[in-house]
Amino acid sequence: MFSKPIILIILLILLITFYLVIRFGAGKKKDIDNSKNLTKYLFGIRILILILALVGLILWFFL
């Protein structure tokens, strides 16, 4: 089994990878800047990842 610090590092790497895949899948930076929908979408993704990170951190502290 993994130790607690390793679990936290794995969680953060997975969340960063999740964000990068979605970010690169959304298109080029110029396309994102020009599209209001993509900007809102990526903002929502950032909020989702922050919530997931907070939940993971809270679970990490109590387990």
C-alpha atoms as a PDB file:
ATOM      1  CA  MET A   1       0.000   0.000   0.000  1.00  0.00           C
ATOM      2  CA  PHE A   2       1.120   3.554  -0.599  1.00  0.00           C
ATOM      3  CA  SER A   3       2.030   5.934   2.200  1.00  0.00           C
ATOM      4  CA  LYS A   4       0.016   9.114   2.761  1.00  0.00           C
ATOM      5  CA  PRO A   5       2.429  11.545   1.025  1.00  0.00           C
ATOM      6  CA  ILE A   6       2.612   9.299  -2.043  1.00  0.00           C
ATOM      7  CA  ILE A   7      -1.194   9.152  -2.219  1.00  0.00           C
ATOM      8  CA  LEU A   8      -1.356  12.958  -2.138  1.00  0.00           C
ATOM      9  CA  ILE A   9       1.240  13.256  -4.907  1.00  0.00           C
ATOM     10  CA  ILE A  10      -0.612  10.709  -7.053  1.00  0.00           C
ATOM     11  CA  LEU A  11      -3.878  12.580  -6.521  1.00  0.00           C
ATOM     12  CA  LEU A  12      -2.340  15.891  -7.560  1.00  0.00           C
ATOM     13  CA  ILE A  13      -0.675  14.357 -10.634  1.00  0.00           C
ATOM     14  CA  LEU A  14      -3.998  12.827 -11.722  1.00  0.00           C
ATOM     15  CA  LEU A  15      -5.827  16.144 -11.317  1.00  0.00           C
ATOM     16  CA  ILE A  16      -3.158  18.060 -13.238  1.00  0.00           C
ATOM     17  CA  THR A  17      -3.214  15.440 -16.001  1.00  0.00           C
ATOM     18  CA  PHE A  18      -7.021  15.637 -16.115  1.00  0.00           C
ATOM     19  CA  TYR A  19      -6.859  19.412 -16.551  1.00  0.00           C
ATOM     20  CA  LEU A  20      -4.112  19.320 -19.192  1.00  0.00           C
ATOM     21  CA  VAL A  21      -5.944  16.742 -21.309  1.00  0.00           C
ATOM     22  CA  ILE A  22      -9.117  18.830 -21.263  1.00  0.00           C
ATOM     23  CA  ARG A  23      -7.187  22.055 -21.884  1.00  0.00           C
ATOM     24  CA  PHE A  24      -5.319  20.685 -24.905  1.00  0.00           C
ATOM     25  CA  GLY A  25      -8.502  19.066 -26.188  1.00  0.00           C
ATOM     26  CA  ALA A  26     -10.290  22.440 -26.106  1.00  0.00           C
ATOM     27  CA  GLY A  27      -8.058  23.841 -28.835  1.00  0.00           C
ATOM     28  CA  LYS A  28      -5.443  26.499 -29.323  1.00  0.00           C
ATOM     29  CA  LYS A  29      -5.098  29.459 -26.982  1.00  0.00           C
ATOM     30  CA  LYS A  30      -6.280  31.828 -29.681  1.00  0.00           C
ATOM     31  CA  ASP A  31      -9.457  29.778 -30.197  1.00  0.00           C
ATOM     32  CA  ILE A  32     -10.153  29.753 -26.466  1.00  0.00           C
ATOM     33  CA  ASP A  33      -9.635  33.509 -26.135  1.00  0.00           C
ATOM     34  CA  ASN A  34     -12.070  34.150 -28.997  1.00  0.00           C
ATOM     35  CA  SER A  35     -14.774  31.779 -27.737  1.00  0.00           C
ATOM     36  CA  LYS A  36     -16.807  32.807 -24.724  1.00  0.00           C
ATOM     37  CA  ASN A  37     -18.208  29.275 -24.351  1.00  0.00           C
ATOM     38  CA  LEU A  38     -14.768  27.676 -24.163  1.00  0.00           C
ATOM     39  CA  THR A  39     -13.633  30.264 -21.625  1.00  0.00           C
ATOM     40  CA  LYS A  40     -16.635  29.487 -19.412  1.00  0.00           C
ATOM     41  CA  TYR A  41     -16.107  25.760 -19.922  1.00  0.00           C
ATOM     42  CA  LEU A  42     -12.460  25.873 -18.829  1.00  0.00           C
ATOM     43  CA  PHE A  43     -13.388  28.053 -15.851  1.00  0.00           C
ATOM     44  CA  GLY A  44     -15.913  25.395 -14.821  1.00  0.00           C
ATOM     45  CA  ILE A  45     -13.276  22.699 -15.228  1.00  0.00           C
ATOM     46  CA  ARG A  46     -10.885  24.638 -12.982  1.00  0.00           C
ATOM     47  CA  ILE A  47     -13.592  24.940 -10.327  1.00  0.00           C
ATOM     48  CA  LEU A  48     -14.349  21.207 -10.610  1.00  0.00           C
ATOM     49  CA  ILE A  49     -10.676  20.308 -10.209  1.00  0.00           C
ATOM     50  CA  LEU A  50     -10.354  22.606  -7.184  1.00  0.00           C
ATOM     51  CA  ILE A  51     -13.378  20.938  -5.568  1.00  0.00           C
ATOM     52  CA  LEU A  52     -11.948  17.483  -6.294  1.00  0.00           C
ATOM     53  CA  ALA A  53      -8.587  18.547  -4.860  1.00  0.00           C
ATOM     54  CA  LEU A  54     -10.219  19.884  -1.692  1.00  0.00           C
ATOM     55  CA  VAL A  55     -12.253  16.707  -1.216  1.00  0.00           C
ATOM     56  CA  GLY A  56      -9.145  14.597  -1.796  1.00  0.00           C
ATOM     57  CA  LEU A  57      -7.168  16.689   0.676  1.00  0.00           C
ATOM     58  CA  ILE A  58      -9.895  16.415   3.315  1.00  0.00           C
ATOM     59  CA  LEU A  59     -10.094  12.647   2.831  1.00  0.00           C
ATOM     60  CA  TRP A  60      -6.303  12.431   2.952  1.00  0.00           C
ATOM     61  CA  PHE A  61      -6.242  14.188   6.333  1.00  0.00           C
ATOM     62  CA  PHE A  62      -8.863  11.903   7.894  1.00  0.00           C
ATOM     63  CA  LEU A  63      -7.780   8.526   6.530  1.00  0.00           C
END
